[in-house]
Amino acid sequence: MTKDKSPARSVQRYRDRMRRSGLRLMQLWVPDTRARGFAEECRRQSRAAARQRRAEGEVTSWIDQTRDTDGWTG
């Protein structure tokens, strides 16, 4: 009996092995840093965040109050 060597079958076997190991597949869409206008949009958002110091402090405070670090090392 010959092994199925198709790329789709190979990927499926890999994913099955990973799941048996206790892992779960996660796919993320992230901004394309090569996209036209990306750097300018980063600058725009950075400036907007800098103008919102109070809001940033509120968010940071909320994160500190609600984060769960049990079991994490650091």
Protein backbone atom coordinates (compact mmCIF):
# COMPACT_ATOMS: atom_id res chain seq x y z
CA MET A 1 0.00 0.00 0.00
CA THR A 2 1.43 3.41 -0.96
CA LYS A 3 1.09 6.50 1.16
CA ASP A 4 -1.04 9.36 -0.12
CA LYS A 5 1.52 12.12 -0.75
CA SER A 6 -0.85 14.86 -1.83
CA PRO A 7 -0.19 18.20 -0.10
CA ALA A 8 -3.76 18.37 1.23
CA ARG A 9 -3.45 14.92 2.82
CA SER A 10 -0.06 15.78 4.29
CA VAL A 11 -1.42 18.96 5.85
CA GLN A 12 -4.42 17.07 7.23
CA ARG A 13 -2.18 14.43 8.83
CA TYR A 14 -0.04 17.19 10.38
CA ARG A 15 -3.12 18.95 11.78
CA ASP A 16 -4.44 15.67 13.16
CA ARG A 17 -1.11 15.04 14.93
CA MET A 18 -1.15 18.52 16.42
CA ARG A 19 -4.72 18.09 17.68
CA ARG A 20 -3.80 14.77 19.27
CA SER A 21 -0.96 16.65 21.01
CA GLY A 22 -3.57 18.90 22.63
CA LEU A 23 -3.15 21.89 20.32
CA ARG A 24 -5.80 23.80 18.43
CA LEU A 25 -5.43 25.49 15.06
CA MET A 26 -5.81 29.26 15.13
CA GLN A 27 -5.60 31.48 12.08
CA LEU A 28 -5.24 35.23 12.33
CA TRP A 29 -5.62 38.04 9.86
CA VAL A 30 -3.12 40.79 10.57
CA PRO A 31 -2.43 44.12 8.87
CA ASP A 32 -0.13 43.93 5.87
CA THR A 33 2.86 46.02 6.92
CA ARG A 34 3.86 46.29 3.26
CA ALA A 35 0.57 47.90 2.25
CA ARG A 36 0.61 51.40 0.87
CA GLY A 37 -0.26 53.87 3.61
CA PHE A 38 0.45 51.47 6.48
CA ALA A 39 3.25 53.56 8.04
CA GLU A 40 1.20 56.76 7.83
CA GLU A 41 -1.78 55.06 9.45
CA CYS A 42 0.50 53.86 12.27
CA ARG A 43 1.69 57.42 12.80
CA ARG A 44 -1.88 58.72 12.78
CA GLN A 45 -3.00 56.20 15.37
CA SER A 46 0.08 56.81 17.52
CA ARG A 47 -0.60 60.55 17.54
CA ALA A 48 -4.25 59.96 18.41
CA ALA A 49 -3.26 57.66 21.28
CA ALA A 50 -0.76 60.21 22.58
CA ARG A 51 -3.53 62.82 22.67
CA GLN A 52 -5.68 60.48 24.72
CA ARG A 53 -3.49 60.08 27.79
CA ARG A 54 -6.47 60.01 30.15
CA ALA A 55 -8.21 57.27 28.17
CA GLU A 56 -4.97 55.32 27.98
CA GLY A 57 -4.62 55.54 31.75
CA GLU A 58 -8.18 54.31 32.21
CA VAL A 59 -7.59 51.35 29.91
CA THR A 60 -4.31 50.48 31.62
CA SER A 61 -5.99 50.67 35.01
CA TRP A 62 -8.81 48.41 33.80
CA ILE A 63 -6.32 45.87 32.43
CA ASP A 64 -4.41 45.86 35.73
CA GLN A 65 -7.65 45.28 37.66
CA THR A 66 -9.04 42.53 35.44
CA ARG A 67 -6.03 40.56 34.24
CA ASP A 68 -5.64 37.01 35.42
CA THR A 69 -2.01 36.12 35.99
CA ASP A 70 -2.52 32.97 38.06
CA GLY A 71 -0.15 30.32 36.81
CA TRP A 72 1.92 32.72 34.71
CA THR A 73 5.55 33.34 35.44
CA GLY A 74 7.19 36.65 35.03
